[in-house]
Amino acid sequence: MNQKGLSQQDYQRIIVEGDAKVLTERAERIGTGLARQLTTSQIRNVFGTVRQIEMSWTPQAADQERKYAARQLLLLKPKLAYQARRERGRGVQQLADILIPAIDLVGEDRGRFQNFVDFFEAILAQVPEELLTRLEQLLAELQLPDIVPLDKL
């Protein structure tokens, strides 16, 4: 089990089996925790690479394109490790700790890659909500009058 409480069985169910229930439950917990540790730009930097891979790894991709996309996904592992060393704080390292075991399970399987993308997207979906909640808490602590309601931002 890694620092975020994901077991090998969780990864198996999310990446290999495509279990949407486990995916959403774990992503909610992970995303909420990461929102406290990472900037949105740090997460999106990694996700941008994943999106580029996804665009080239289409279901119609030729064998050579599929292998290239799988290679690019594997190369994301050292990129994550480098970014974790370069950035301050533990957030990027935690993200790497979560994603690297998932990448290992993808291999050259397009379906597993899509499950990986879905998992990452579900994690990202939690981050802005958590940041908005933190902003609301800070405003409440400052006891400022609402000039613009937060739901209008």
N, C-alpha and C. Protein backbone atom coordinates (compact mmCIF):
# COMPACT_ATOMS: atom_id res chain seq x y z
N MET A 1 0.84 -1.17 0.00
CA MET A 1 0.00 0.00 0.00
C MET A 1 0.90 1.25 0.00
N ASN A 2 0.58 2.22 -0.88
CA ASN A 2 1.40 3.43 -0.91
C ASN A 2 0.88 4.45 0.10
N GLN A 3 1.47 5.64 0.09
CA GLN A 3 1.15 6.65 1.10
C GLN A 3 -0.31 7.08 1.06
N LYS A 4 -0.94 6.99 -0.06
CA LYS A 4 -2.34 7.40 -0.18
C LYS A 4 -3.29 6.25 0.10
N GLY A 5 -2.78 5.13 0.54
CA GLY A 5 -3.64 4.02 0.89
C GLY A 5 -4.14 3.20 -0.28
N LEU A 6 -3.46 3.28 -1.42
CA LEU A 6 -3.85 2.46 -2.57
C LEU A 6 -3.09 1.15 -2.52
N SER A 7 -3.83 0.07 -2.53
CA SER A 7 -3.21 -1.25 -2.52
C SER A 7 -2.99 -1.72 -3.96
N GLN A 8 -2.22 -2.77 -4.11
CA GLN A 8 -2.02 -3.35 -5.44
C GLN A 8 -3.36 -3.82 -6.00
N GLN A 9 -4.23 -4.30 -5.12
CA GLN A 9 -5.57 -4.72 -5.56
C GLN A 9 -6.38 -3.52 -6.07
N ASP A 10 -6.24 -2.37 -5.42
CA ASP A 10 -6.92 -1.16 -5.90
C ASP A 10 -6.46 -0.82 -7.32
N TYR A 11 -5.14 -0.83 -7.52
CA TYR A 11 -4.61 -0.54 -8.85
C TYR A 11 -5.12 -1.55 -9.87
N GLN A 12 -5.15 -2.81 -9.49
CA GLN A 12 -5.62 -3.87 -10.38
C GLN A 12 -7.08 -3.60 -10.77
N ARG A 13 -7.89 -3.27 -9.80
CA ARG A 13 -9.31 -3.03 -10.07
C ARG A 13 -9.52 -1.77 -10.91
N ILE A 14 -8.72 -0.74 -10.68
CA ILE A 14 -8.89 0.52 -11.40
C ILE A 14 -8.32 0.44 -12.81
N ILE A 15 -7.08 0.01 -12.95
CA ILE A 15 -6.39 0.05 -14.24
C ILE A 15 -6.69 -1.16 -15.10
N VAL A 16 -6.62 -2.35 -14.53
CA VAL A 16 -6.79 -3.57 -15.32
C VAL A 16 -8.27 -3.88 -15.55
N GLU A 17 -9.06 -3.83 -14.48
CA GLU A 17 -10.46 -4.23 -14.57
C GLU A 17 -11.39 -3.07 -14.93
N GLY A 18 -10.93 -1.84 -14.75
CA GLY A 18 -11.77 -0.67 -15.07
C GLY A 18 -12.94 -0.49 -14.13
N ASP A 19 -12.77 -0.82 -12.86
CA ASP A 19 -13.83 -0.72 -11.85
C ASP A 19 -14.09 0.77 -11.53
N ALA A 20 -15.19 1.30 -12.06
CA ALA A 20 -15.49 2.72 -11.92
C ALA A 20 -15.78 3.12 -10.47
N LYS A 21 -16.38 2.23 -9.71
CA LYS A 21 -16.70 2.55 -8.32
C LYS A 21 -15.43 2.75 -7.50
N VAL A 22 -14.50 1.82 -7.61
CA VAL A 22 -13.23 1.94 -6.88
C VAL A 22 -12.47 3.16 -7.38
N LEU A 23 -12.47 3.37 -8.70
CA LEU A 23 -11.79 4.52 -9.29
C LEU A 23 -12.29 5.82 -8.67
N THR A 24 -13.60 6.02 -8.63
CA THR A 24 -14.12 7.29 -8.13
C THR A 24 -13.89 7.46 -6.63
N GLU A 25 -14.03 6.37 -5.88
CA GLU A 25 -13.81 6.47 -4.43
C GLU A 25 -12.36 6.85 -4.12
N ARG A 26 -11.43 6.17 -4.77
CA ARG A 26 -10.01 6.45 -4.50
C ARG A 26 -9.61 7.82 -5.03
N ALA A 27 -10.11 8.18 -6.21
CA ALA A 27 -9.76 9.48 -6.81
C ALA A 27 -10.25 10.63 -5.94
N GLU A 28 -11.42 10.48 -5.35
CA GLU A 28 -11.95 11.53 -4.48
C GLU A 28 -11.03 11.75 -3.29
N ARG A 29 -10.63 10.67 -2.66
CA ARG A 29 -9.75 10.78 -1.49
C ARG A 29 -8.39 11.35 -1.89
N ILE A 30 -7.83 10.87 -2.98
CA ILE A 30 -6.52 11.33 -3.43
C ILE A 30 -6.56 12.79 -3.86
N GLY A 31 -7.54 13.15 -4.68
CA GLY A 31 -7.64 14.51 -5.18
C GLY A 31 -7.80 15.53 -4.07
N THR A 32 -8.61 15.19 -3.09
CA THR A 32 -8.81 16.09 -1.95
C THR A 32 -7.50 16.30 -1.20
N GLY A 33 -6.76 15.23 -0.99
CA GLY A 33 -5.47 15.35 -0.30
C GLY A 33 -4.44 16.11 -1.11
N LEU A 34 -4.40 15.86 -2.41
CA LEU A 34 -3.41 16.53 -3.26
C LEU A 34 -3.69 18.02 -3.40
N ALA A 35 -4.95 18.40 -3.31
CA ALA A 35 -5.29 19.82 -3.45
C ALA A 35 -4.59 20.66 -2.39
N ARG A 36 -4.32 20.06 -1.26
CA ARG A 36 -3.62 20.78 -0.18
C ARG A 36 -2.12 20.85 -0.43
N GLN A 37 -1.60 20.01 -1.30
CA GLN A 37 -0.16 19.87 -1.47
C GLN A 37 0.36 20.43 -2.79
N LEU A 38 -0.49 20.52 -3.80
CA LEU A 38 -0.05 20.87 -5.15
C LEU A 38 -0.76 22.10 -5.68
N THR A 39 -0.10 22.76 -6.61
CA THR A 39 -0.79 23.78 -7.37
C THR A 39 -1.47 23.08 -8.55
N THR A 40 -2.50 23.70 -9.04
CA THR A 40 -3.19 23.13 -10.20
C THR A 40 -2.24 23.03 -11.38
N SER A 41 -1.35 24.00 -11.54
CA SER A 41 -0.42 23.97 -12.67
C SER A 41 0.55 22.80 -12.57
N GLN A 42 0.95 22.42 -11.37
CA GLN A 42 1.83 21.26 -11.22
C GLN A 42 1.14 19.99 -11.70
N ILE A 43 -0.11 19.84 -11.33
CA ILE A 43 -0.85 18.65 -11.75
C ILE A 43 -1.09 18.69 -13.26
N ARG A 44 -1.51 19.82 -13.75
CA ARG A 44 -1.84 19.92 -15.17
C ARG A 44 -0.60 19.79 -16.06
N ASN A 45 0.56 20.12 -15.55
CA ASN A 45 1.80 19.91 -16.31
C ASN A 45 1.95 18.44 -16.67
N VAL A 46 1.73 17.58 -15.70
CA VAL A 46 1.82 16.14 -15.94
C VAL A 46 0.65 15.69 -16.80
N PHE A 47 -0.54 16.20 -16.51
CA PHE A 47 -1.71 15.77 -17.25
C PHE A 47 -1.63 16.18 -18.72
N GLY A 48 -0.97 17.30 -19.00
CA GLY A 48 -0.78 17.72 -20.39
C GLY A 48 -0.03 16.67 -21.20
N THR A 49 0.98 16.07 -20.59
CA THR A 49 1.73 15.00 -21.24
C THR A 49 0.82 13.80 -21.48
N VAL A 50 0.01 13.47 -20.50
CA VAL A 50 -0.92 12.34 -20.64
C VAL A 50 -1.90 12.61 -21.79
N ARG A 51 -2.39 13.82 -21.89
CA ARG A 51 -3.31 14.18 -22.99
C ARG A 51 -2.63 14.03 -24.36
N GLN A 52 -1.37 14.45 -24.46
CA GLN A 52 -0.65 14.30 -25.73
C GLN A 52 -0.53 12.83 -26.10
N ILE A 53 -0.23 12.00 -25.13
CA ILE A 53 -0.15 10.56 -25.38
C ILE A 53 -1.51 10.04 -25.83
N GLU A 54 -2.55 10.47 -25.16
CA GLU A 54 -3.90 10.02 -25.51
C GLU A 54 -4.27 10.39 -26.94
N MET A 55 -3.88 11.58 -27.37
CA MET A 55 -4.19 12.01 -28.73
C MET A 55 -3.49 11.16 -29.78
N SER A 56 -2.31 10.65 -29.46
CA SER A 56 -1.59 9.83 -30.43
C SER A 56 -1.95 8.35 -30.32
N TRP A 57 -2.50 7.93 -29.18
CA TRP A 57 -2.81 6.52 -28.95
C TRP A 57 -4.31 6.29 -29.14
N THR A 58 -4.76 6.49 -30.34
CA THR A 58 -6.17 6.29 -30.65
C THR A 58 -6.45 4.81 -30.89
N PRO A 59 -7.71 4.42 -30.82
CA PRO A 59 -8.03 3.01 -31.12
C PRO A 59 -7.60 2.59 -32.53
N GLN A 60 -7.52 3.55 -33.44
CA GLN A 60 -7.13 3.24 -34.82
C GLN A 60 -5.63 3.34 -35.05
N ALA A 61 -4.86 3.62 -34.02
CA ALA A 61 -3.42 3.82 -34.17
C ALA A 61 -2.75 2.56 -34.71
N ALA A 62 -1.80 2.78 -35.60
CA ALA A 62 -1.02 1.67 -36.14
C ALA A 62 -0.12 1.12 -35.04
N ASP A 63 0.39 -0.07 -35.25
CA ASP A 63 1.23 -0.73 -34.26
C ASP A 63 2.40 0.15 -33.83
N GLN A 64 3.04 0.79 -34.78
CA GLN A 64 4.19 1.65 -34.47
C GLN A 64 3.77 2.84 -33.60
N GLU A 65 2.63 3.45 -33.92
CA GLU A 65 2.13 4.58 -33.13
C GLU A 65 1.77 4.13 -31.71
N ARG A 66 1.17 2.95 -31.60
CA ARG A 66 0.79 2.41 -30.29
C ARG A 66 2.02 2.19 -29.44
N LYS A 67 3.06 1.61 -30.04
CA LYS A 67 4.30 1.36 -29.30
C LYS A 67 4.97 2.67 -28.88
N TYR A 68 4.92 3.66 -29.77
CA TYR A 68 5.50 4.96 -29.44
C TYR A 68 4.74 5.59 -28.26
N ALA A 69 3.41 5.53 -28.30
CA ALA A 69 2.61 6.10 -27.21
C ALA A 69 2.89 5.38 -25.90
N ALA A 70 2.99 4.05 -25.94
CA ALA A 70 3.30 3.29 -24.72
C ALA A 70 4.68 3.68 -24.19
N ARG A 71 5.62 3.92 -25.11
CA ARG A 71 6.97 4.35 -24.71
C ARG A 71 6.91 5.72 -24.04
N GLN A 72 6.13 6.63 -24.61
CA GLN A 72 5.99 7.97 -24.03
C GLN A 72 5.39 7.89 -22.63
N LEU A 73 4.45 6.98 -22.44
CA LEU A 73 3.86 6.81 -21.11
C LEU A 73 4.91 6.31 -20.12
N LEU A 74 5.73 5.36 -20.54
CA LEU A 74 6.81 4.88 -19.66
C LEU A 74 7.79 6.00 -19.32
N LEU A 75 8.06 6.86 -20.29
CA LEU A 75 8.99 7.98 -20.05
C LEU A 75 8.40 9.03 -19.11
N LEU A 76 7.10 8.95 -18.88
CA LEU A 76 6.49 9.85 -17.91
C LEU A 76 6.99 9.55 -16.50
N LYS A 77 7.37 8.30 -16.24
CA LYS A 77 7.86 7.93 -14.90
C LYS A 77 9.11 8.73 -14.51
N PRO A 78 10.17 8.77 -15.34
CA PRO A 78 11.32 9.60 -14.93
C PRO A 78 10.99 11.10 -14.92
N LYS A 79 10.06 11.53 -15.77
CA LYS A 79 9.65 12.94 -15.75
C LYS A 79 9.00 13.27 -14.40
N LEU A 80 8.15 12.38 -13.92
CA LEU A 80 7.54 12.57 -12.60
C LEU A 80 8.59 12.60 -11.50
N ALA A 81 9.55 11.69 -11.58
CA ALA A 81 10.61 11.63 -10.56
C ALA A 81 11.43 12.92 -10.58
N TYR A 82 11.76 13.41 -11.77
CA TYR A 82 12.52 14.65 -11.89
C TYR A 82 11.72 15.82 -11.32
N GLN A 83 10.46 15.92 -11.70
CA GLN A 83 9.64 17.03 -11.22
C GLN A 83 9.49 16.97 -9.70
N ALA A 84 9.39 15.77 -9.15
CA ALA A 84 9.26 15.62 -7.69
C ALA A 84 10.52 16.13 -6.98
N ARG A 85 11.68 15.87 -7.56
CA ARG A 85 12.93 16.34 -6.95
C ARG A 85 13.07 17.86 -7.08
N ARG A 86 12.61 18.40 -8.20
CA ARG A 86 12.78 19.81 -8.49
C ARG A 86 11.82 20.70 -7.70
N GLU A 87 10.61 20.25 -7.51
CA GLU A 87 9.59 21.05 -6.84
C GLU A 87 9.76 20.98 -5.33
N ARG A 88 9.35 22.04 -4.68
CA ARG A 88 9.38 22.06 -3.22
C ARG A 88 8.10 21.40 -2.70
N GLY A 89 8.20 20.81 -1.55
CA GLY A 89 7.03 20.18 -0.95
C GLY A 89 6.90 18.72 -1.38
N ARG A 90 5.96 18.05 -0.77
CA ARG A 90 5.78 16.62 -0.99
C ARG A 90 4.70 16.31 -2.02
N GLY A 91 3.98 17.29 -2.49
CA GLY A 91 2.85 17.05 -3.37
C GLY A 91 3.19 16.33 -4.65
N VAL A 92 4.21 16.80 -5.36
CA VAL A 92 4.58 16.17 -6.63
C VAL A 92 5.07 14.74 -6.38
N GLN A 93 5.80 14.54 -5.29
CA GLN A 93 6.25 13.18 -4.96
C GLN A 93 5.06 12.27 -4.69
N GLN A 94 4.05 12.78 -4.00
CA GLN A 94 2.86 11.98 -3.74
C GLN A 94 2.13 11.65 -5.04
N LEU A 95 2.05 12.62 -5.95
CA LEU A 95 1.43 12.36 -7.24
C LEU A 95 2.20 11.27 -7.99
N ALA A 96 3.52 11.37 -7.97
CA ALA A 96 4.35 10.34 -8.62
C ALA A 96 4.13 8.98 -7.97
N ASP A 97 4.05 8.96 -6.65
CA ASP A 97 3.83 7.70 -5.93
C ASP A 97 2.50 7.05 -6.31
N ILE A 98 1.53 7.86 -6.67
CA ILE A 98 0.21 7.36 -7.06
C ILE A 98 0.22 6.89 -8.52
N LEU A 99 0.82 7.69 -9.40
CA LEU A 99 0.72 7.40 -10.83
C LEU A 99 1.67 6.32 -11.33
N ILE A 100 2.87 6.23 -10.77
CA ILE A 100 3.86 5.28 -11.30
C ILE A 100 3.38 3.83 -11.23
N PRO A 101 2.81 3.37 -10.11
CA PRO A 101 2.30 1.98 -10.12
C PRO A 101 1.18 1.78 -11.14
N ALA A 102 0.39 2.81 -11.38
CA ALA A 102 -0.68 2.72 -12.39
C ALA A 102 -0.08 2.61 -13.79
N ILE A 103 0.95 3.41 -14.06
CA ILE A 103 1.62 3.35 -15.36
C ILE A 103 2.19 1.96 -15.60
N ASP A 104 2.76 1.37 -14.56
CA ASP A 104 3.35 0.03 -14.69
C ASP A 104 2.33 -1.00 -15.15
N LEU A 105 1.07 -0.83 -14.79
CA LEU A 105 0.04 -1.79 -15.16
C LEU A 105 -0.51 -1.59 -16.57
N VAL A 106 -0.28 -0.43 -17.16
CA VAL A 106 -0.84 -0.13 -18.48
C VAL A 106 -0.17 -0.96 -19.57
N GLY A 107 1.17 -0.98 -19.58
CA GLY A 107 1.88 -1.68 -20.66
C GLY A 107 1.54 -1.08 -22.01
N GLU A 108 1.18 -1.92 -22.97
CA GLU A 108 0.80 -1.45 -24.30
C GLU A 108 -0.69 -1.65 -24.55
N ASP A 109 -1.46 -1.75 -23.50
CA ASP A 109 -2.90 -2.02 -23.61
C ASP A 109 -3.68 -0.70 -23.63
N ARG A 110 -4.34 -0.43 -24.73
CA ARG A 110 -5.08 0.83 -24.92
C ARG A 110 -6.22 0.96 -23.90
N GLY A 111 -6.92 -0.11 -23.61
CA GLY A 111 -8.01 -0.07 -22.64
C GLY A 111 -7.51 0.30 -21.25
N ARG A 112 -6.39 -0.28 -20.87
CA ARG A 112 -5.80 0.05 -19.57
C ARG A 112 -5.34 1.50 -19.53
N PHE A 113 -4.79 1.95 -20.66
CA PHE A 113 -4.38 3.35 -20.73
C PHE A 113 -5.59 4.26 -20.52
N GLN A 114 -6.71 3.93 -21.14
CA GLN A 114 -7.91 4.75 -20.96
C GLN A 114 -8.37 4.73 -19.51
N ASN A 115 -8.25 3.59 -18.85
CA ASN A 115 -8.59 3.52 -17.42
C ASN A 115 -7.66 4.42 -16.60
N PHE A 116 -6.37 4.45 -16.98
CA PHE A 116 -5.40 5.32 -16.32
C PHE A 116 -5.81 6.79 -16.51
N VAL A 117 -6.17 7.16 -17.74
CA VAL A 117 -6.59 8.54 -18.02
C VAL A 117 -7.83 8.89 -17.21
N ASP A 118 -8.79 7.97 -17.17
CA ASP A 118 -10.01 8.21 -16.39
C ASP A 118 -9.69 8.43 -14.91
N PHE A 119 -8.76 7.64 -14.39
CA PHE A 119 -8.35 7.76 -12.99
C PHE A 119 -7.72 9.13 -12.73
N PHE A 120 -6.81 9.53 -13.61
CA PHE A 120 -6.14 10.82 -13.46
C PHE A 120 -7.16 11.96 -13.57
N GLU A 121 -8.07 11.88 -14.54
CA GLU A 121 -9.11 12.90 -14.68
C GLU A 121 -9.97 12.99 -13.42
N ALA A 122 -10.30 11.85 -12.86
CA ALA A 122 -11.13 11.83 -11.65
C ALA A 122 -10.39 12.48 -10.48
N ILE A 123 -9.09 12.28 -10.40
CA ILE A 123 -8.28 12.94 -9.37
C ILE A 123 -8.31 14.45 -9.59
N LEU A 124 -8.09 14.87 -10.83
CA LEU A 124 -8.10 16.30 -11.14
C LEU A 124 -9.45 16.94 -10.86
N ALA A 125 -10.52 16.21 -11.07
CA ALA A 125 -11.85 16.76 -10.85
C ALA A 125 -12.06 17.16 -9.40
N GLN A 126 -11.36 16.54 -8.49
CA GLN A 126 -11.51 16.84 -7.07
C GLN A 126 -10.72 18.08 -6.65
N VAL A 127 -9.67 18.38 -7.36
CA VAL A 127 -8.76 19.44 -6.94
C VAL A 127 -9.42 20.82 -6.94
N PRO A 128 -10.05 21.27 -8.03
CA PRO A 128 -10.64 22.61 -7.99
C PRO A 128 -11.72 22.75 -6.91
N GLU A 129 -12.51 21.72 -6.70
CA GLU A 129 -13.55 21.77 -5.68
C GLU A 129 -12.92 21.97 -4.30
N GLU A 130 -11.83 21.26 -4.06
CA GLU A 130 -11.14 21.39 -2.77
C GLU A 130 -10.56 22.80 -2.62
N LEU A 131 -10.01 23.36 -3.70
CA LEU A 131 -9.46 24.71 -3.63
C LEU A 131 -10.55 25.73 -3.36
N LEU A 132 -11.72 25.56 -3.97
CA LEU A 132 -12.84 26.46 -3.74
C LEU A 132 -13.29 26.38 -2.28
N THR A 133 -13.34 25.19 -1.74
CA THR A 133 -13.71 25.01 -0.34
C THR A 133 -12.72 25.73 0.57
N ARG A 134 -11.43 25.62 0.26
CA ARG A 134 -10.41 26.31 1.06
C ARG A 134 -10.58 27.82 0.99
N LEU A 135 -10.88 28.33 -0.21
CA LEU A 135 -11.10 29.77 -0.38
C LEU A 135 -12.29 30.22 0.46
N GLU A 136 -13.37 29.46 0.42
CA GLU A 136 -14.54 29.80 1.22
C GLU A 136 -14.20 29.82 2.71
N GLN A 137 -13.40 28.86 3.16
CA GLN A 137 -13.00 28.81 4.57
C GLN A 137 -12.17 30.03 4.94
N LEU A 138 -11.24 30.41 4.06
CA LEU A 138 -10.40 31.58 4.34
C LEU A 138 -11.24 32.85 4.41
N LEU A 139 -12.18 33.00 3.48
CA LEU A 139 -13.04 34.18 3.51
C LEU A 139 -13.89 34.22 4.77
N ALA A 140 -14.36 33.06 5.20
CA ALA A 140 -15.15 33.00 6.43
C ALA A 140 -14.31 33.39 7.63
N GLU A 141 -13.05 32.95 7.66
CA GLU A 141 -12.15 33.29 8.76
C GLU A 141 -11.86 34.79 8.79
N LEU A 142 -11.76 35.41 7.63
CA LEU A 142 -11.49 36.84 7.56
C LEU A 142 -12.72 37.67 7.88
N GLN A 143 -13.88 37.06 7.84
CA GLN A 143 -15.16 37.71 8.12
C GLN A 143 -15.36 38.95 7.25
N LEU A 144 -15.03 38.81 5.98
CA LEU A 144 -15.25 39.89 5.03
C LEU A 144 -16.66 39.80 4.48
N PRO A 145 -17.26 40.94 4.19
CA PRO A 145 -18.58 40.87 3.56
C PRO A 145 -18.43 40.33 2.14
N ASP A 146 -19.43 39.59 1.72
CA ASP A 146 -19.41 39.05 0.36
C ASP A 146 -19.63 40.20 -0.63
N ILE A 147 -18.62 40.47 -1.42
CA ILE A 147 -18.76 41.46 -2.48
C ILE A 147 -19.33 40.77 -3.71
N VAL A 148 -18.75 39.64 -4.03
CA VAL A 148 -19.23 38.81 -5.13
C VAL A 148 -19.42 37.41 -4.56
N PRO A 149 -20.61 36.87 -4.64
CA PRO A 149 -20.80 35.51 -4.13
C PRO A 149 -19.88 34.54 -4.85
N LEU A 150 -19.32 33.60 -4.09
CA LEU A 150 -18.37 32.65 -4.66
C LEU A 150 -18.96 31.84 -5.79
N ASP A 151 -20.26 31.58 -5.74
CA ASP A 151 -20.85 30.78 -6.81
C ASP A 151 -20.95 31.57 -8.11
N LYS A 152 -20.68 32.87 -8.08
CA LYS A 152 -20.70 33.71 -9.28
C LYS A 152 -19.32 33.90 -9.88
N LEU A 153 -18.27 33.39 -9.20
CA LEU A 153 -16.90 33.54 -9.70
C LEU A 153 -16.66 32.64 -10.88
